[in-house]
Protein backbone atom coordinates (compact mmCIF):
# COMPACT_ATOMS: atom_id res chain seq x y z
CA MET A 1 114.68 122.47 136.53
CA PRO A 2 114.44 126.23 135.45
CA ILE A 3 114.95 128.97 137.95
CA THR A 4 114.17 132.17 135.69
CA ALA A 5 110.79 133.50 134.36
CA SER A 6 112.64 133.02 130.69
CA ALA A 7 113.66 129.50 131.29
CA LYS A 8 110.36 128.53 132.32
CA LYS A 9 108.50 129.81 129.64
CA ALA A 10 110.82 128.31 127.39
CA MET A 11 110.32 124.99 128.91
CA ARG A 12 106.36 125.44 128.47
CA GLN A 13 106.78 126.55 124.87
CA THR A 14 108.95 123.09 124.25
CA LYS A 15 106.38 120.98 125.64
CA THR A 16 103.53 122.28 123.81
CA ARG A 17 105.94 122.34 120.59
CA ASN A 18 106.79 118.67 120.82
CA ALA A 19 103.75 117.48 121.61
CA GLN A 20 102.31 119.29 118.23
CA ASN A 21 105.10 117.88 116.31
CA ALA A 22 104.48 114.38 117.71
CA LYS A 23 100.88 114.40 116.32
CA ARG A 24 101.57 115.75 112.94
CA LYS A 25 104.19 113.00 112.82
CA GLU A 26 101.48 110.56 113.66
CA ALA A 27 99.07 111.79 111.28
CA TYR A 28 101.40 111.03 108.61
CA LYS A 29 102.82 108.00 109.70
CA LYS A 30 99.26 106.41 110.03
CA LEU A 31 98.73 107.36 106.79
CA ILE A 32 101.35 105.82 105.05
CA SER A 33 101.06 102.31 106.72
CA SER A 34 97.35 102.22 105.99
CA TYR A 35 98.64 103.21 103.04
CA ARG A 36 101.21 100.36 102.34
CA LYS A 37 99.00 97.98 104.05
CA SER A 38 96.24 98.75 101.45
CA VAL A 39 98.66 98.26 98.55
CA ALA A 40 100.07 95.08 99.75
CA ASP A 41 96.67 93.66 99.83
CA ALA A 42 96.06 94.71 96.51
CA LYS A 43 93.59 97.35 97.48
CA PHE A 44 94.44 99.92 94.48
CA GLU A 45 91.52 101.63 94.84
CA ASP A 46 91.78 102.30 98.33
CA ALA A 47 95.19 103.20 98.12
CA LYS A 48 94.51 105.89 95.48
CA LYS A 49 91.83 107.46 98.17
CA ILE A 50 94.55 108.00 100.53
CA ILE A 51 97.09 109.48 98.80
CA PRO A 52 95.73 113.19 98.91
CA ASP A 53 95.77 113.00 102.54
CA ILE A 54 99.05 111.50 103.11
CA TYR A 55 100.63 114.15 100.73
CA LYS A 56 98.39 117.00 103.16
CA ALA A 57 99.62 115.40 106.27
CA LEU A 58 103.54 115.89 104.55
CA ASP A 59 102.94 119.43 103.69
CA LYS A 60 101.78 120.41 106.83
CA ALA A 61 104.20 118.22 108.93
CA ALA A 62 106.80 120.13 106.76
CA LYS A 63 105.39 123.50 106.97
CA THR A 64 105.54 123.34 110.75
CA ASN A 65 108.91 122.14 110.83
CA ALA A 66 108.25 118.96 112.29
CA ILE A 67 110.06 117.35 109.61
CA ALA A 68 112.45 118.59 107.23
CA LYS A 69 111.25 119.76 103.38
CA ASN A 70 113.31 117.76 101.91
CA LYS A 71 112.13 114.20 103.69
CA SER A 72 108.65 115.57 102.77
CA ALA A 73 109.35 115.72 99.45
CA ARG A 74 111.09 112.21 99.35
CA MET A 75 108.31 110.45 101.00
CA LYS A 76 105.88 112.00 98.69
CA SER A 77 108.29 110.36 95.87
CA ARG A 78 108.43 107.12 96.92
CA ILE A 79 104.60 106.94 97.58
CA ALA A 80 104.08 108.22 93.74
CA LYS A 81 106.38 105.66 92.64
CA LEU A 82 105.07 102.94 94.66
CA THR A 83 101.55 103.89 93.34
CA LYS A 84 103.48 103.77 89.93
CA ARG A 85 104.84 100.36 90.13
CA LYS A 86 101.42 98.39 90.85
């Protein structure tokens, strides 16, 4: 357990940041899974409507350093590639 005031504050900040990062990661993961499910079920119109939301969630996660910028770019690229394939 932290003893100094600065260590206590750092622990509070870490807890808050972990919660925010988890929320952002969960947001894009849910969208990607629903997108992949739509593609698997051959519901391509529904899948195409989800793409802007996925991009927004990935950009937000990368902007706030919840995930790396290259990971965001790679995931967006794979989504686009999957869209073109179908």
